[in-house]
């Protein structure tokens, strides 16, 4: 199935991050089936598939989670559905264990944390702890430049052009390649980070993630790293979730305020859709009314 998923990604119908996730889930399901003495896809029942989707797992810190989050359950369900759909198309099985399984409801979409300039300064202050040995300041600087979490995870020392105060990104499934401006603070912390990494050996080096990590794992690592910064700054609590996308929303609002142009928001963030840019900036632009 890996080859088929990679073909879908090459055709632009799936992201490579989704392919990595589906491969991981399918490998775990194979081990799960072996543990239950099931070796044929035709023998996989709806009960078994649903039990796997709801099975305990481990979080990014390797702690056991007895009840997986809805997002994790949806990822598992989506991967299994794709696995069996492709297997049926290849004549490998007639089983469709999730055919009558009810969908997993999505949590209401959060409007975001609504970060302020003071919040950003607070994040920067706490991100500087331990730099350049720690990655936090560099991670935050890349997000503040307009890179999303996947682009931040992939950024290397070769992408930096510090004299011009820019960082280059190849884009992703939903974003275009572009050059993003760095703040003065970003130039400072990324310069320190790059210099430290270059002393460890010839590059290019990934700025904030391990070169051994998969694309999906590296992107998840960015989310975990940012969460640590937000917790240290006192912004992320049990009642308030703060995520990398909130930095993108903050930047979109600032660009819109400074330029007055949704097209500039889209260009800076690598978006092809003005609707997407308006959503990030908190603007119901087709009616001229603010959504918040």
C-alpha atoms as a PDB file:
ATOM      1  CA  UNK A   1       0.000   0.000   0.000  1.00  0.00           C
ATOM      2  CA  UNK A   2       2.909   2.318   0.627  1.00  0.00           C
ATOM      3  CA  UNK A   3       3.628   2.526  -3.095  1.00  0.00           C
ATOM      4  CA  UNK A   4       0.013   3.390  -3.888  1.00  0.00           C
ATOM      5  CA  UNK A   5      -0.097   6.091  -1.209  1.00  0.00           C
ATOM      6  CA  UNK A   6       3.166   7.547  -2.493  1.00  0.00           C
ATOM      7  CA  UNK A   7       1.665   7.599  -5.996  1.00  0.00           C
ATOM      8  CA  UNK A   8      -1.340   9.503  -4.625  1.00  0.00           C
ATOM      9  CA  UNK A   9       1.026  12.004  -3.007  1.00  0.00           C
ATOM     10  CA  UNK A  10       2.995  12.428  -6.249  1.00  0.00           C
ATOM     11  CA  UNK A  11      -0.279  13.144  -8.061  1.00  0.00           C
ATOM     12  CA  UNK A  12      -1.162  15.810  -5.477  1.00  0.00           C
ATOM     13  CA  UNK A  13      -4.142  13.901  -4.096  1.00  0.00           C
ATOM     14  CA  UNK A  14      -2.514  13.281  -0.687  1.00  0.00           C
ATOM     15  CA  UNK A  15       0.109  15.047   1.359  1.00  0.00           C
ATOM     16  CA  UNK A  16       3.361  13.229   2.072  1.00  0.00           C
ATOM     17  CA  UNK A  17       2.669  13.797   5.779  1.00  0.00           C
ATOM     18  CA  UNK A  18      -0.579  11.832   5.398  1.00  0.00           C
ATOM     19  CA  UNK A  19       1.301   9.054   3.592  1.00  0.00           C
ATOM     20  CA  UNK A  20       3.792   8.815   6.476  1.00  0.00           C
ATOM     21  CA  UNK A  21       0.904   8.685   8.952  1.00  0.00           C
ATOM     22  CA  UNK A  22      -1.012   6.009   7.009  1.00  0.00           C
ATOM     23  CA  UNK A  23       2.104   3.836   6.758  1.00  0.00           C
ATOM     24  CA  UNK A  24       2.690   4.090  10.506  1.00  0.00           C
ATOM     25  CA  UNK A  25      -0.944   3.248  11.306  1.00  0.00           C
ATOM     26  CA  UNK A  26      -1.017   0.311   8.891  1.00  0.00           C
ATOM     27  CA  UNK A  27       2.174  -1.115  10.423  1.00  0.00           C
ATOM     28  CA  UNK A  28       0.665  -0.824  13.899  1.00  0.00           C
ATOM     29  CA  UNK A  29      -2.531  -2.474  12.701  1.00  0.00           C
ATOM     30  CA  UNK A  30      -0.520  -5.345  11.244  1.00  0.00           C
ATOM     31  CA  UNK A  31       1.098  -5.919  14.646  1.00  0.00           C
ATOM     32  CA  UNK A  32      -2.298  -5.593  16.333  1.00  0.00           C
ATOM     33  CA  UNK A  33      -3.797  -8.196  14.003  1.00  0.00           C
ATOM     34  CA  UNK A  34      -0.867 -10.572  14.602  1.00  0.00           C
ATOM     35  CA  UNK A  35      -1.404 -10.253  18.345  1.00  0.00           C
ATOM     36  CA  UNK A  36      -5.015 -11.356  17.810  1.00  0.00           C
ATOM     37  CA  UNK A  37      -4.004 -14.252  15.545  1.00  0.00           C
ATOM     38  CA  UNK A  38      -5.531 -12.651  12.437  1.00  0.00           C
ATOM     39  CA  UNK A  39      -3.366 -13.033   9.350  1.00  0.00           C
ATOM     40  CA  UNK A  40      -5.872 -12.475   6.497  1.00  0.00           C
ATOM     41  CA  UNK A  41      -7.521  -9.174   5.622  1.00  0.00           C
ATOM     42  CA  UNK A  42     -10.760 -11.039   4.904  1.00  0.00           C
ATOM     43  CA  UNK A  43     -10.872 -12.058   8.564  1.00  0.00           C
ATOM     44  CA  UNK A  44     -10.759  -8.513   9.910  1.00  0.00           C
ATOM     45  CA  UNK A  45     -14.153  -7.753  11.422  1.00  0.00           C
ATOM     46  CA  UNK A  46     -15.820  -4.456  12.182  1.00  0.00           C
ATOM     47  CA  UNK A  47     -15.375  -5.185  15.896  1.00  0.00           C
ATOM     48  CA  UNK A  48     -11.634  -5.705  15.480  1.00  0.00           C
ATOM     49  CA  UNK A  49     -11.191  -2.562  13.390  1.00  0.00           C
ATOM     50  CA  UNK A  50     -13.126  -0.440  15.881  1.00  0.00           C
ATOM     51  CA  UNK A  51     -11.191  -1.964  18.794  1.00  0.00           C
ATOM     52  CA  UNK A  52      -7.912  -0.993  17.120  1.00  0.00           C
ATOM     53  CA  UNK A  53      -9.149   2.549  16.490  1.00  0.00           C
ATOM     54  CA  UNK A  54     -10.084   2.930  20.175  1.00  0.00           C
ATOM     55  CA  UNK A  55      -7.037   1.066  21.549  1.00  0.00           C
ATOM     56  CA  UNK A  56      -4.725   2.699  24.126  1.00  0.00           C
ATOM     57  CA  UNK A  57      -1.557   4.206  22.738  1.00  0.00           C
ATOM     58  CA  UNK A  58       1.334   6.460  23.633  1.00  0.00           C
ATOM     59  CA  UNK A  59       1.740  10.189  23.345  1.00  0.00           C
ATOM     60  CA  UNK A  60       4.809  12.033  22.025  1.00  0.00           C
ATOM     61  CA  UNK A  61       6.495  11.680  25.425  1.00  0.00           C
ATOM     62  CA  UNK A  62       5.912   7.908  25.329  1.00  0.00           C
ATOM     63  CA  UNK A  63       3.312   8.089  28.093  1.00  0.00           C
ATOM     64  CA  UNK A  64       0.429   5.615  27.853  1.00  0.00           C
ATOM     65  CA  UNK A  65      -2.918   7.151  26.887  1.00  0.00           C
ATOM     66  CA  UNK A  66      -5.782   4.830  27.817  1.00  0.00           C
ATOM     67  CA  UNK A  67      -8.361   6.781  25.816  1.00  0.00           C
ATOM     68  CA  UNK A  68      -7.030   8.210  22.517  1.00  0.00           C
ATOM     69  CA  UNK A  69      -8.125  11.677  21.458  1.00  0.00           C
ATOM     70  CA  UNK A  70     -10.776  12.022  18.774  1.00  0.00           C
ATOM     71  CA  UNK A  71      -8.123  13.302  16.363  1.00  0.00           C
ATOM     72  CA  UNK A  72      -6.041  10.141  16.895  1.00  0.00           C
ATOM     73  CA  UNK A  73      -9.085   7.928  16.405  1.00  0.00           C
ATOM     74  CA  UNK A  74      -9.980   9.768  13.178  1.00  0.00           C
ATOM     75  CA  UNK A  75      -6.429   9.328  11.879  1.00  0.00           C
ATOM     76  CA  UNK A  76      -6.524   5.588  12.584  1.00  0.00           C
ATOM     77  CA  UNK A  77      -9.956   5.227  11.002  1.00  0.00           C
ATOM     78  CA  UNK A  78      -8.937   7.182   7.904  1.00  0.00           C
ATOM     79  CA  UNK A  79      -5.789   5.095   7.455  1.00  0.00           C
ATOM     80  CA  UNK A  80      -7.661   1.790   7.826  1.00  0.00           C
ATOM     81  CA  UNK A  81     -10.395   2.907   5.435  1.00  0.00           C
ATOM     82  CA  UNK A  82      -7.765   3.805   2.830  1.00  0.00           C
ATOM     83  CA  UNK A  83      -5.863   0.573   3.429  1.00  0.00           C
ATOM     84  CA  UNK A  84      -8.907  -1.628   2.817  1.00  0.00           C
ATOM     85  CA  UNK A  85     -10.188   0.484  -0.086  1.00  0.00           C
ATOM     86  CA  UNK A  86      -6.889   0.090  -1.950  1.00  0.00           C
ATOM     87  CA  UNK A  87      -6.704  -3.603  -1.046  1.00  0.00           C
ATOM     88  CA  UNK A  88     -10.196  -4.165  -2.477  1.00  0.00           C
ATOM     89  CA  UNK A  89      -9.274  -2.306  -5.666  1.00  0.00           C
ATOM     90  CA  UNK A  90      -6.309  -4.665  -6.082  1.00  0.00           C
ATOM     91  CA  UNK A  91      -8.430  -7.766  -5.448  1.00  0.00           C
ATOM     92  CA  UNK A  92      -6.548  -8.564  -2.241  1.00  0.00           C
ATOM     93  CA  UNK A  93      -9.706  -8.714  -0.112  1.00  0.00           C
ATOM     94  CA  UNK A  94     -13.450  -8.211  -0.164  1.00  0.00           C
ATOM     95  CA  UNK A  95     -13.539  -7.020   3.432  1.00  0.00           C
ATOM     96  CA  UNK A  96     -14.885  -3.567   4.295  1.00  0.00           C
ATOM     97  CA  UNK A  97     -14.812  -3.607   8.106  1.00  0.00           C
ATOM     98  CA  UNK A  98     -15.597   0.088   8.449  1.00  0.00           C
ATOM     99  CA  UNK A  99     -18.479   0.182   5.951  1.00  0.00           C
ATOM    100  CA  UNK A 100     -21.170   0.409   8.641  1.00  0.00           C
ATOM    101  CA  UNK A 101     -18.978   1.971  11.308  1.00  0.00           C
ATOM    102  CA  UNK A 102     -20.256   5.422  12.347  1.00  0.00           C
ATOM    103  CA  UNK A 103     -17.944   8.372  11.632  1.00  0.00           C
ATOM    104  CA  UNK A 104     -16.030   9.963  14.485  1.00  0.00           C
ATOM    105  CA  UNK A 105     -17.350  13.434  15.140  1.00  0.00           C
ATOM    106  CA  UNK A 106     -15.004  16.371  14.946  1.00  0.00           C
ATOM    107  CA  UNK A 107     -14.525  18.734  17.842  1.00  0.00           C
ATOM    108  CA  UNK A 108     -15.798  22.269  17.136  1.00  0.00           C
ATOM    109  CA  UNK A 109     -13.122  24.284  15.312  1.00  0.00           C
ATOM    110  CA  UNK A 110     -11.375  26.625  17.700  1.00  0.00           C
ATOM    111  CA  UNK A 111     -11.231  30.313  16.721  1.00  0.00           C
ATOM    112  CA  UNK A 112      -7.677  30.339  18.045  1.00  0.00           C
ATOM    113  CA  UNK A 113      -5.999  31.791  21.077  1.00  0.00           C
ATOM    114  CA  UNK A 114      -6.029  35.357  19.732  1.00  0.00           C
ATOM    115  CA  UNK A 115      -2.398  36.112  20.577  1.00  0.00           C
ATOM    116  CA  UNK A 116      -1.409  39.724  21.167  1.00  0.00           C
ATOM    117  CA  UNK A 117       1.886  41.538  20.617  1.00  0.00           C
ATOM    118  CA  UNK A 118       2.539  41.235  24.342  1.00  0.00           C
ATOM    119  CA  UNK A 119       1.928  37.470  24.136  1.00  0.00           C
ATOM    120  CA  UNK A 120       4.470  37.231  21.312  1.00  0.00           C
ATOM    121  CA  UNK A 121       7.063  39.137  23.347  1.00  0.00           C
ATOM    122  CA  UNK A 122       6.357  36.808  26.267  1.00  0.00           C
ATOM    123  CA  UNK A 123       6.882  33.764  24.029  1.00  0.00           C
ATOM    124  CA  UNK A 124      10.147  35.196  22.707  1.00  0.00           C
ATOM    125  CA  UNK A 125      11.443  35.840  26.213  1.00  0.00           C
ATOM    126  CA  UNK A 126      10.774  32.297  27.376  1.00  0.00           C
ATOM    127  CA  UNK A 127      11.965  30.744  24.090  1.00  0.00           C
ATOM    128  CA  UNK A 128      15.416  32.221  24.640  1.00  0.00           C
ATOM    129  CA  UNK A 129      16.020  30.014  27.671  1.00  0.00           C
ATOM    130  CA  UNK A 130      19.019  27.777  26.964  1.00  0.00           C
ATOM    131  CA  UNK A 131      19.598  28.986  23.417  1.00  0.00           C
ATOM    132  CA  UNK A 132      21.311  28.196  21.103  1.00  0.00           C
ATOM    133  CA  UNK A 133      21.673  24.708  22.592  1.00  0.00           C
ATOM    134  CA  UNK A 134      17.873  24.464  22.714  1.00  0.00           C
ATOM    135  CA  UNK A 135      15.762  24.806  19.592  1.00  0.00           C
ATOM    136  CA  UNK A 136      12.906  26.843  21.038  1.00  0.00           C
ATOM    137  CA  UNK A 137      13.988  30.308  19.949  1.00  0.00           C
ATOM    138  CA  UNK A 138      14.807  29.151  16.401  1.00  0.00           C
ATOM    139  CA  UNK A 139      11.470  27.318  16.174  1.00  0.00           C
ATOM    140  CA  UNK A 140       9.520  30.397  17.222  1.00  0.00           C
ATOM    141  CA  UNK A 141      11.520  32.638  14.856  1.00  0.00           C
ATOM    142  CA  UNK A 142      10.621  30.429  11.872  1.00  0.00           C
ATOM    143  CA  UNK A 143       6.937  30.444  12.779  1.00  0.00           C
ATOM    144  CA  UNK A 144       7.028  34.234  13.154  1.00  0.00           C
ATOM    145  CA  UNK A 145       8.566  34.467   9.680  1.00  0.00           C
ATOM    146  CA  UNK A 146       5.419  32.877   8.255  1.00  0.00           C
ATOM    147  CA  UNK A 147       6.433  29.232   7.926  1.00  0.00           C
ATOM    148  CA  UNK A 148       3.844  26.686   9.007  1.00  0.00           C
ATOM    149  CA  UNK A 149       4.729  23.751  11.247  1.00  0.00           C
ATOM    150  CA  UNK A 150       5.617  21.391   8.350  1.00  0.00           C
ATOM    151  CA  UNK A 151       7.814  24.036   6.710  1.00  0.00           C
ATOM    152  CA  UNK A 152       9.445  24.826  10.052  1.00  0.00           C
ATOM    153  CA  UNK A 153      10.193  21.144  10.576  1.00  0.00           C
ATOM    154  CA  UNK A 154      11.941  20.947   7.182  1.00  0.00           C
ATOM    155  CA  UNK A 155      13.923  24.210   7.418  1.00  0.00           C
ATOM    156  CA  UNK A 156      17.709  23.842   7.263  1.00  0.00           C
ATOM    157  CA  UNK A 157      20.717  26.078   7.680  1.00  0.00           C
ATOM    158  CA  UNK A 158      20.954  26.258   3.876  1.00  0.00           C
ATOM    159  CA  UNK A 159      17.548  27.969   3.756  1.00  0.00           C
ATOM    160  CA  UNK A 160      18.779  30.948   5.783  1.00  0.00           C
ATOM    161  CA  UNK A 161      20.015  34.160   4.152  1.00  0.00           C
ATOM    162  CA  UNK A 162      20.802  36.142   7.260  1.00  0.00           C
ATOM    163  CA  UNK A 163      22.414  39.177   5.538  1.00  0.00           C
ATOM    164  CA  UNK A 164      19.109  39.701   3.721  1.00  0.00           C
ATOM    165  CA  UNK A 165      17.086  38.726   6.827  1.00  0.00           C
ATOM    166  CA  UNK A 166      15.143  36.031   4.959  1.00  0.00           C
ATOM    167  CA  UNK A 167      14.474  32.313   5.122  1.00  0.00           C
ATOM    168  CA  UNK A 168      13.537  30.249   2.087  1.00  0.00           C
ATOM    169  CA  UNK A 169      10.930  27.493   2.202  1.00  0.00           C
ATOM    170  CA  UNK A 170      10.064  24.949  -0.460  1.00  0.00           C
ATOM    171  CA  UNK A 171       6.428  25.129   0.602  1.00  0.00           C
ATOM    172  CA  UNK A 172       4.212  22.123   1.117  1.00  0.00           C
ATOM    173  CA  UNK A 173       0.995  20.445   0.046  1.00  0.00           C
ATOM    174  CA  UNK A 174      -1.061  23.578   0.715  1.00  0.00           C
ATOM    175  CA  UNK A 175       1.582  26.295   0.494  1.00  0.00           C
ATOM    176  CA  UNK A 176       3.782  27.709  -2.259  1.00  0.00           C
ATOM    177  CA  UNK A 177       7.589  28.055  -2.202  1.00  0.00           C
ATOM    178  CA  UNK A 178       8.582  31.536  -1.070  1.00  0.00           C
ATOM    179  CA  UNK A 179      11.105  33.712   0.726  1.00  0.00           C
ATOM    180  CA  UNK A 180       9.941  34.910   4.144  1.00  0.00           C
ATOM    181  CA  UNK A 181      11.285  37.980   5.974  1.00  0.00           C
ATOM    182  CA  UNK A 182      12.871  37.481   9.376  1.00  0.00           C
ATOM    183  CA  UNK A 183      12.506  39.903  12.236  1.00  0.00           C
ATOM    184  CA  UNK A 184      15.595  41.392  13.836  1.00  0.00           C
ATOM    185  CA  UNK A 185      15.081  38.994  16.728  1.00  0.00           C
ATOM    186  CA  UNK A 186      14.711  36.108  14.267  1.00  0.00           C
ATOM    187  CA  UNK A 187      18.002  36.940  12.544  1.00  0.00           C
ATOM    188  CA  UNK A 188      19.721  37.035  15.927  1.00  0.00           C
ATOM    189  CA  UNK A 189      18.453  33.719  17.319  1.00  0.00           C
ATOM    190  CA  UNK A 190      18.663  31.816  14.027  1.00  0.00           C
ATOM    191  CA  UNK A 191      22.203  33.077  13.510  1.00  0.00           C
ATOM    192  CA  UNK A 192      23.211  31.675  16.880  1.00  0.00           C
ATOM    193  CA  UNK A 193      21.412  28.395  16.202  1.00  0.00           C
ATOM    194  CA  UNK A 194      22.940  27.947  12.742  1.00  0.00           C
ATOM    195  CA  UNK A 195      26.441  28.714  14.027  1.00  0.00           C
ATOM    196  CA  UNK A 196      26.094  26.100  16.754  1.00  0.00           C
ATOM    197  CA  UNK A 197      24.837  23.448  14.341  1.00  0.00           C
ATOM    198  CA  UNK A 198      27.609  24.161  11.829  1.00  0.00           C
ATOM    199  CA  UNK A 199      30.225  23.637  14.561  1.00  0.00           C
ATOM    200  CA  UNK A 200      28.888  20.094  14.965  1.00  0.00           C
ATOM    201  CA  UNK A 201      29.868  19.214  11.376  1.00  0.00           C
ATOM    202  CA  UNK A 202      29.286  20.135   7.776  1.00  0.00           C
ATOM    203  CA  UNK A 203      25.703  20.894   6.858  1.00  0.00           C
ATOM    204  CA  UNK A 204      23.114  21.643   5.874  1.00  0.00           C
ATOM    205  CA  UNK A 205      21.448  20.859   9.198  1.00  0.00           C
ATOM    206  CA  UNK A 206      17.779  20.899  10.082  1.00  0.00           C
ATOM    207  CA  UNK A 207      17.308  23.881  12.349  1.00  0.00           C
ATOM    208  CA  UNK A 208      14.761  22.491  14.836  1.00  0.00           C
ATOM    209  CA  UNK A 209      14.143  18.792  14.118  1.00  0.00           C
ATOM    210  CA  UNK A 210      16.147  15.610  13.726  1.00  0.00           C
ATOM    211  CA  UNK A 211      17.150  14.564  10.221  1.00  0.00           C
ATOM    212  CA  UNK A 212      16.174  11.008  11.202  1.00  0.00           C
ATOM    213  CA  UNK A 213      12.542  11.956  11.857  1.00  0.00           C
ATOM    214  CA  UNK A 214       9.826  11.236   9.326  1.00  0.00           C
ATOM    215  CA  UNK A 215       7.985  14.224   7.874  1.00  0.00           C
ATOM    216  CA  UNK A 216       4.983  13.520  10.089  1.00  0.00           C
ATOM    217  CA  UNK A 217       7.162  12.950  13.146  1.00  0.00           C
ATOM    218  CA  UNK A 218       9.132  16.137  12.517  1.00  0.00           C
ATOM    219  CA  UNK A 219       5.950  18.192  12.150  1.00  0.00           C
ATOM    220  CA  UNK A 220       4.580  16.709  15.372  1.00  0.00           C
ATOM    221  CA  UNK A 221       7.880  17.576  17.047  1.00  0.00           C
ATOM    222  CA  UNK A 222       7.419  21.235  16.079  1.00  0.00           C
ATOM    223  CA  UNK A 223       3.984  21.202  17.704  1.00  0.00           C
ATOM    224  CA  UNK A 224       5.401  19.646  20.864  1.00  0.00           C
ATOM    225  CA  UNK A 225       8.275  22.140  20.971  1.00  0.00           C
ATOM    226  CA  UNK A 226       5.957  25.104  20.555  1.00  0.00           C
ATOM    227  CA  UNK A 227       3.668  23.748  23.261  1.00  0.00           C
ATOM    228  CA  UNK A 228       6.628  23.724  25.642  1.00  0.00           C
ATOM    229  CA  UNK A 229       7.321  27.385  24.871  1.00  0.00           C
ATOM    230  CA  UNK A 230       3.662  28.305  25.383  1.00  0.00           C
ATOM    231  CA  UNK A 231       3.503  26.422  28.688  1.00  0.00           C
ATOM    232  CA  UNK A 232       6.719  28.040  29.943  1.00  0.00           C
ATOM    233  CA  UNK A 233       5.271  31.434  29.021  1.00  0.00           C
ATOM    234  CA  UNK A 234       2.079  30.658  30.927  1.00  0.00           C
ATOM    235  CA  UNK A 235      -0.065  30.995  27.800  1.00  0.00           C
ATOM    236  CA  UNK A 236      -0.967  27.328  27.342  1.00  0.00           C
ATOM    237  CA  UNK A 237      -2.991  25.940  30.248  1.00  0.00           C
ATOM    238  CA  UNK A 238      -5.530  23.181  30.798  1.00  0.00           C
ATOM    239  CA  UNK A 239      -8.249  25.634  29.819  1.00  0.00           C
ATOM    240  CA  UNK A 240      -6.437  27.375  26.983  1.00  0.00           C
ATOM    241  CA  UNK A 241      -4.819  25.663  24.018  1.00  0.00           C
ATOM    242  CA  UNK A 242      -2.127  27.504  22.082  1.00  0.00           C
ATOM    243  CA  UNK A 243      -0.701  25.977  18.908  1.00  0.00           C
ATOM    244  CA  UNK A 244       1.631  26.949  16.039  1.00  0.00           C
ATOM    245  CA  UNK A 245      -1.351  27.941  13.913  1.00  0.00           C
ATOM    246  CA  UNK A 246      -2.055  30.726  16.424  1.00  0.00           C
ATOM    247  CA  UNK A 247       1.266  32.286  15.425  1.00  0.00           C
ATOM    248  CA  UNK A 248       0.158  32.109  11.789  1.00  0.00           C
ATOM    249  CA  UNK A 249      -3.155  33.759  12.716  1.00  0.00           C
ATOM    250  CA  UNK A 250      -1.322  36.513  14.604  1.00  0.00           C
ATOM    251  CA  UNK A 251       0.965  37.103  11.627  1.00  0.00           C
ATOM    252  CA  UNK A 252      -1.977  37.128   9.185  1.00  0.00           C
ATOM    253  CA  UNK A 253      -3.771  39.780  11.248  1.00  0.00           C
ATOM    254  CA  UNK A 254      -0.630  41.889  11.438  1.00  0.00           C
ATOM    255  CA  UNK A 255       0.070  41.671   7.693  1.00  0.00           C
ATOM    256  CA  UNK A 256      -3.538  42.577   6.907  1.00  0.00           C
ATOM    257  CA  UNK A 257      -3.386  45.552   9.294  1.00  0.00           C
ATOM    258  CA  UNK A 258      -0.116  46.804   7.798  1.00  0.00           C
ATOM    259  CA  UNK A 259      -0.896  46.209   4.121  1.00  0.00           C
ATOM    260  CA  UNK A 260      -4.674  46.303   3.988  1.00  0.00           C
ATOM    261  CA  UNK A 261      -4.494  43.549   1.345  1.00  0.00           C
ATOM    262  CA  UNK A 262      -5.655  39.948   1.674  1.00  0.00           C
ATOM    263  CA  UNK A 263      -3.512  39.159  -1.352  1.00  0.00           C
ATOM    264  CA  UNK A 264      -0.440  40.171   0.657  1.00  0.00           C
ATOM    265  CA  UNK A 265      -1.488  37.863   3.497  1.00  0.00           C
ATOM    266  CA  UNK A 266      -1.837  35.013   1.006  1.00  0.00           C
ATOM    267  CA  UNK A 267       1.514  35.796  -0.647  1.00  0.00           C
ATOM    268  CA  UNK A 268       3.449  35.975   2.615  1.00  0.00           C
ATOM    269  CA  UNK A 269       1.933  32.741   3.918  1.00  0.00           C
ATOM    270  CA  UNK A 270       2.176  30.913   0.590  1.00  0.00           C
ATOM    271  CA  UNK A 271      -1.580  30.449   0.205  1.00  0.00           C
ATOM    272  CA  UNK A 272      -3.452  30.139  -3.076  1.00  0.00           C
ATOM    273  CA  UNK A 273      -6.831  30.990  -1.548  1.00  0.00           C
ATOM    274  CA  UNK A 274      -7.982  34.421  -0.410  1.00  0.00           C
ATOM    275  CA  UNK A 275     -10.652  32.661   1.649  1.00  0.00           C
ATOM    276  CA  UNK A 276      -7.909  30.827   3.513  1.00  0.00           C
ATOM    277  CA  UNK A 277      -6.040  34.068   4.080  1.00  0.00           C
ATOM    278  CA  UNK A 278      -9.207  35.769   5.328  1.00  0.00           C
ATOM    279  CA  UNK A 279      -9.917  32.899   7.694  1.00  0.00           C
ATOM    280  CA  UNK A 280      -6.458  33.132   9.233  1.00  0.00           C
ATOM    281  CA  UNK A 281      -6.717  36.917   9.538  1.00  0.00           C
ATOM    282  CA  UNK A 282     -10.117  36.647  11.217  1.00  0.00           C
ATOM    283  CA  UNK A 283     -11.901  38.529   8.458  1.00  0.00           C
ATOM    284  CA  UNK A 284     -15.231  37.624   6.875  1.00  0.00           C
ATOM    285  CA  UNK A 285     -14.037  39.473   3.791  1.00  0.00           C
ATOM    286  CA  UNK A 286     -16.948  38.657   1.483  1.00  0.00           C
ATOM    287  CA  UNK A 287     -19.359  40.541   3.754  1.00  0.00           C
ATOM    288  CA  UNK A 288     -16.865  43.095   4.978  1.00  0.00           C
ATOM    289  CA  UNK A 289     -17.475  42.078   8.587  1.00  0.00           C
ATOM    290  CA  UNK A 290     -14.922  40.808  11.086  1.00  0.00           C
ATOM    291  CA  UNK A 291     -15.513  37.204  12.127  1.00  0.00           C
ATOM    292  CA  UNK A 292     -14.340  37.959  15.625  1.00  0.00           C
END
